């Protein structure tokens, strides 16, 4: 249960602070596997977009 709360907080903070920052989002996705599992499409898009930034 605690893990779910932590993941929710990380995702919420990530959404607020790096909503339009693909590089930061791809970093969060690659460093937190739980986020990557939860949002595979967003992470893939962010990774692809960050290559062109």
PDB file of N, CA and C in Angstrom:
ATOM      1  N   UNK A   1       0.828  -1.205   0.000  1.00  0.00           N
ATOM      2  CA  UNK A   1       0.000   0.000   0.000  1.00  0.00           C
ATOM      3  C   UNK A   1       0.866   1.260   0.000  1.00  0.00           C
ATOM      4  N   UNK A   2       1.918   1.242   0.826  1.00  0.00           N
ATOM      5  CA  UNK A   2       2.808   2.398   0.869  1.00  0.00           C
ATOM      6  C   UNK A   2       3.443   2.651  -0.486  1.00  0.00           C
ATOM      7  N   UNK A   3       3.800   1.560  -1.177  1.00  0.00           N
ATOM      8  CA  UNK A   3       4.443   1.698  -2.488  1.00  0.00           C
ATOM      9  C   UNK A   3       3.509   2.395  -3.471  1.00  0.00           C
ATOM     10  N   UNK A   4       2.223   2.051  -3.434  1.00  0.00           N
ATOM     11  CA  UNK A   4       1.251   2.691  -4.324  1.00  0.00           C
ATOM     12  C   UNK A   4       1.136   4.180  -4.039  1.00  0.00           C
ATOM     13  N   UNK A   5       1.156   4.536  -2.764  1.00  0.00           N
ATOM     14  CA  UNK A   5       1.073   5.950  -2.384  1.00  0.00           C
ATOM     15  C   UNK A   5       2.303   6.697  -2.887  1.00  0.00           C
ATOM     16  N   UNK A   6       3.470   6.095  -2.724  1.00  0.00           N
ATOM     17  CA  UNK A   6       4.706   6.728  -3.184  1.00  0.00           C
ATOM     18  C   UNK A   6       4.682   6.909  -4.694  1.00  0.00           C
ATOM     19  N   UNK A   7       4.238   5.877  -5.414  1.00  0.00           N
ATOM     20  CA  UNK A   7       4.152   5.966  -6.871  1.00  0.00           C
ATOM     21  C   UNK A   7       3.178   7.066  -7.274  1.00  0.00           C
ATOM     22  N   UNK A   8       2.042   7.147  -6.590  1.00  0.00           N
ATOM     23  CA  UNK A   8       1.049   8.178  -6.898  1.00  0.00           C
ATOM     24  C   UNK A   8       1.632   9.573  -6.679  1.00  0.00           C
ATOM     25  N   UNK A   9       2.380   9.751  -5.602  1.00  0.00           N
ATOM     26  CA  UNK A   9       2.999  11.047  -5.310  1.00  0.00           C
ATOM     27  C   UNK A   9       4.034  11.392  -6.377  1.00  0.00           C
ATOM     28  N   UNK A  10       4.856  10.419  -6.744  1.00  0.00           N
ATOM     29  CA  UNK A  10       5.876  10.657  -7.775  1.00  0.00           C
ATOM     30  C   UNK A  10       5.224  11.050  -9.092  1.00  0.00           C
ATOM     31  N   UNK A  11       4.175  10.326  -9.461  1.00  0.00           N
ATOM     32  CA  UNK A  11       3.479  10.618 -10.716  1.00  0.00           C
ATOM     33  C   UNK A  11       2.827  11.997 -10.661  1.00  0.00           C
ATOM     34  N   UNK A  12       2.195  12.321  -9.538  1.00  0.00           N
ATOM     35  CA  UNK A  12       1.538  13.622  -9.397  1.00  0.00           C
ATOM     36  C   UNK A  12       2.557  14.761  -9.478  1.00  0.00           C
ATOM     37  N   UNK A  13       3.660  14.622  -8.762  1.00  0.00           N
ATOM     38  CA  UNK A  13       4.696  15.654  -8.806  1.00  0.00           C
ATOM     39  C   UNK A  13       5.287  15.759 -10.202  1.00  0.00           C
ATOM     40  N   UNK A  14       5.511  14.620 -10.807  1.00  0.00           N
ATOM     41  CA  UNK A  14       6.041  14.616 -12.169  1.00  0.00           C
ATOM     42  C   UNK A  14       5.109  15.314 -13.132  1.00  0.00           C
ATOM     43  N   UNK A  15       3.823  15.047 -12.995  1.00  0.00           N
ATOM     44  CA  UNK A  15       2.833  15.654 -13.885  1.00  0.00           C
ATOM     45  C   UNK A  15       2.797  17.168 -13.703  1.00  0.00           C
ATOM     46  N   UNK A  16       2.921  17.621 -12.458  1.00  0.00           N
ATOM     47  CA  UNK A  16       2.863  19.058 -12.186  1.00  0.00           C
ATOM     48  C   UNK A  16       4.121  19.767 -12.682  1.00  0.00           C
ATOM     49  N   UNK A  17       5.291  19.210 -12.382  1.00  0.00           N
ATOM     50  CA  UNK A  17       6.543  19.920 -12.650  1.00  0.00           C
ATOM     51  C   UNK A  17       7.118  19.702 -14.039  1.00  0.00           C
ATOM     52  N   UNK A  18       6.859  18.543 -14.648  1.00  0.00           N
ATOM     53  CA  UNK A  18       7.501  18.260 -15.936  1.00  0.00           C
ATOM     54  C   UNK A  18       6.479  17.895 -17.001  1.00  0.00           C
ATOM     55  N   UNK A  19       5.306  18.483 -16.902  1.00  0.00           N
ATOM     56  CA  UNK A  19       4.230  18.152 -17.838  1.00  0.00           C
ATOM     57  C   UNK A  19       4.680  18.317 -19.278  1.00  0.00           C
ATOM     58  N   UNK A  20       5.387  19.419 -19.585  1.00  0.00           N
ATOM     59  CA  UNK A  20       5.812  19.683 -20.956  1.00  0.00           C
ATOM     60  C   UNK A  20       7.309  19.482 -21.168  1.00  0.00           C
ATOM     61  N   UNK A  21       7.957  18.901 -20.190  1.00  0.00           N
ATOM     62  CA  UNK A  21       9.401  18.718 -20.303  1.00  0.00           C
ATOM     63  C   UNK A  21       9.693  17.245 -20.563  1.00  0.00           C
ATOM     64  N   UNK A  22       9.809  16.890 -21.843  1.00  0.00           N
ATOM     65  CA  UNK A  22       9.973  15.490 -22.226  1.00  0.00           C
ATOM     66  C   UNK A  22      11.269  14.880 -21.717  1.00  0.00           C
ATOM     67  N   UNK A  23      12.318  15.683 -21.637  1.00  0.00           N
ATOM     68  CA  UNK A  23      13.594  15.157 -21.166  1.00  0.00           C
ATOM     69  C   UNK A  23      13.490  14.729 -19.709  1.00  0.00           C
ATOM     70  N   UNK A  24      12.893  15.588 -18.883  1.00  0.00           N
ATOM     71  CA  UNK A  24      12.728  15.250 -17.473  1.00  0.00           C
ATOM     72  C   UNK A  24      11.793  14.059 -17.307  1.00  0.00           C
ATOM     73  N   UNK A  25      10.723  14.031 -18.094  1.00  0.00           N
ATOM     74  CA  UNK A  25       9.775  12.924 -18.001  1.00  0.00           C
ATOM     75  C   UNK A  25      10.441  11.614 -18.393  1.00  0.00           C
ATOM     76  N   UNK A  26      11.245  11.625 -19.434  1.00  0.00           N
ATOM     77  CA  UNK A  26      11.923  10.397 -19.842  1.00  0.00           C
ATOM     78  C   UNK A  26      12.923   9.952 -18.778  1.00  0.00           C
ATOM     79  N   UNK A  27      13.517  10.916 -18.066  1.00  0.00           N
ATOM     80  CA  UNK A  27      14.430  10.582 -16.973  1.00  0.00           C
ATOM     81  C   UNK A  27      13.683   9.914 -15.837  1.00  0.00           C
ATOM     82  N   UNK A  28      12.526  10.466 -15.487  1.00  0.00           N
ATOM     83  CA  UNK A  28      11.699   9.867 -14.439  1.00  0.00           C
ATOM     84  C   UNK A  28      11.277   8.465 -14.854  1.00  0.00           C
ATOM     85  N   UNK A  29      10.873   8.316 -16.103  1.00  0.00           N
ATOM     86  CA  UNK A  29      10.427   7.011 -16.593  1.00  0.00           C
ATOM     87  C   UNK A  29      11.542   5.981 -16.528  1.00  0.00           C
ATOM     88  N   UNK A  30      12.749   6.389 -16.901  1.00  0.00           N
ATOM     89  CA  UNK A  30      13.840   5.419 -16.928  1.00  0.00           C
ATOM     90  C   UNK A  30      14.367   5.109 -15.534  1.00  0.00           C
ATOM     91  N   UNK A  31      14.210   6.049 -14.594  1.00  0.00           N
ATOM     92  CA  UNK A  31      14.736   5.813 -13.254  1.00  0.00           C
ATOM     93  C   UNK A  31      13.720   5.148 -12.334  1.00  0.00           C
ATOM     94  N   UNK A  32      12.440   5.291 -12.611  1.00  0.00           N
ATOM     95  CA  UNK A  32      11.398   4.693 -11.775  1.00  0.00           C
ATOM     96  C   UNK A  32      10.610   3.706 -12.628  1.00  0.00           C
ATOM     97  N   UNK A  33      10.933   2.430 -12.482  1.00  0.00           N
ATOM     98  CA  UNK A  33      10.296   1.414 -13.330  1.00  0.00           C
ATOM     99  C   UNK A  33       8.797   1.323 -13.075  1.00  0.00           C
ATOM    100  N   UNK A  34       8.360   1.657 -11.850  1.00  0.00           N
ATOM    101  CA  UNK A  34       6.927   1.618 -11.554  1.00  0.00           C
ATOM    102  C   UNK A  34       6.174   2.627 -12.411  1.00  0.00           C
ATOM    103  N   UNK A  35       6.771   3.788 -12.624  1.00  0.00           N
ATOM    104  CA  UNK A  35       6.153   4.806 -13.476  1.00  0.00           C
ATOM    105  C   UNK A  35       6.100   4.308 -14.913  1.00  0.00           C
ATOM    106  N   UNK A  36       7.190   3.689 -15.347  1.00  0.00           N
ATOM    107  CA  UNK A  36       7.244   3.171 -16.715  1.00  0.00           C
ATOM    108  C   UNK A  36       6.181   2.098 -16.931  1.00  0.00           C
ATOM    109  N   UNK A  37       5.981   1.241 -15.929  1.00  0.00           N
ATOM    110  CA  UNK A  37       4.964   0.193 -16.043  1.00  0.00           C
ATOM    111  C   UNK A  37       3.560   0.777 -16.031  1.00  0.00           C
ATOM    112  N   UNK A  38       3.378   1.858 -15.281  1.00  0.00           N
ATOM    113  CA  UNK A  38       2.066   2.483 -15.153  1.00  0.00           C
ATOM    114  C   UNK A  38       1.689   3.274 -16.405  1.00  0.00           C
ATOM    115  N   UNK A  39       2.669   3.947 -16.997  1.00  0.00           N
ATOM    116  CA  UNK A  39       2.415   4.825 -18.143  1.00  0.00           C
ATOM    117  C   UNK A  39       3.366   4.514 -19.299  1.00  0.00           C
ATOM    118  N   UNK A  40       3.283   3.319 -19.874  1.00  0.00           N
ATOM    119  CA  UNK A  40       4.247   2.954 -20.924  1.00  0.00           C
ATOM    120  C   UNK A  40       4.168   3.845 -22.158  1.00  0.00           C
ATOM    121  N   UNK A  41       2.971   4.258 -22.537  1.00  0.00           N
ATOM    122  CA  UNK A  41       2.813   5.080 -23.744  1.00  0.00           C
ATOM    123  C   UNK A  41       3.435   6.457 -23.535  1.00  0.00           C
ATOM    124  N   UNK A  42       3.142   7.086 -22.396  1.00  0.00           N
ATOM    125  CA  UNK A  42       3.684   8.413 -22.109  1.00  0.00           C
ATOM    126  C   UNK A  42       5.206   8.372 -22.048  1.00  0.00           C
ATOM    127  N   UNK A  43       5.737   7.321 -21.428  1.00  0.00           N
ATOM    128  CA  UNK A  43       7.188   7.208 -21.309  1.00  0.00           C
ATOM    129  C   UNK A  43       7.834   7.020 -22.675  1.00  0.00           C
ATOM    130  N   UNK A  44       7.218   6.220 -23.509  1.00  0.00           N
ATOM    131  CA  UNK A  44       7.755   5.997 -24.851  1.00  0.00           C
ATOM    132  C   UNK A  44       7.739   7.287 -25.656  1.00  0.00           C
ATOM    133  N   UNK A  45       6.634   8.024 -25.583  1.00  0.00           N
ATOM    134  CA  UNK A  45       6.537   9.307 -26.296  1.00  0.00           C
ATOM    135  C   UNK A  45       7.580  10.294 -25.778  1.00  0.00           C
ATOM    136  N   UNK A  46       7.726  10.360 -24.461  1.00  0.00           N
ATOM    137  CA  UNK A  46       8.674  11.299 -23.866  1.00  0.00           C
ATOM    138  C   UNK A  46      10.097  10.955 -24.269  1.00  0.00           C
ATOM    139  N   UNK A  47      10.419   9.662 -24.279  1.00  0.00           N
ATOM    140  CA  UNK A  47      11.755   9.235 -24.674  1.00  0.00           C
ATOM    141  C   UNK A  47      12.034   9.608 -26.127  1.00  0.00           C
ATOM    142  N   UNK A  48      11.065   9.358 -26.979  1.00  0.00           N
ATOM    143  CA  UNK A  48      11.232   9.675 -28.399  1.00  0.00           C
ATOM    144  C   UNK A  48      11.374  11.178 -28.599  1.00  0.00           C
ATOM    145  N   UNK A  49      10.545  11.967 -27.917  1.00  0.00           N
ATOM    146  CA  UNK A  49      10.580  13.420 -28.062  1.00  0.00           C
ATOM    147  C   UNK A  49      11.871  13.997 -27.495  1.00  0.00           C
ATOM    148  N   UNK A  50      12.378  13.408 -26.408  1.00  0.00           N
ATOM    149  CA  UNK A  50      13.586  13.953 -25.784  1.00  0.00           C
ATOM    150  C   UNK A  50      14.810  13.778 -26.674  1.00  0.00           C
ATOM    151  N   UNK A  51      14.764  12.821 -27.584  1.00  0.00           N
ATOM    152  CA  UNK A  51      15.879  12.631 -28.514  1.00  0.00           C
ATOM    153  C   UNK A  51      16.034  13.822 -29.450  1.00  0.00           C
ATOM    154  N   UNK A  52      14.937  14.521 -29.698  1.00  0.00           N
ATOM    155  CA  UNK A  52      14.959  15.638 -30.643  1.00  0.00           C
ATOM    156  C   UNK A  52      15.090  16.996 -29.963  1.00  0.00           C
ATOM    157  N   UNK A  53      15.172  17.009 -28.640  1.00  0.00           N
ATOM    158  CA  UNK A  53      15.289  18.281 -27.911  1.00  0.00           C
ATOM    159  C   UNK A  53      16.735  18.700 -27.788  1.00  0.00           C
TER     160      UNK A  53
END
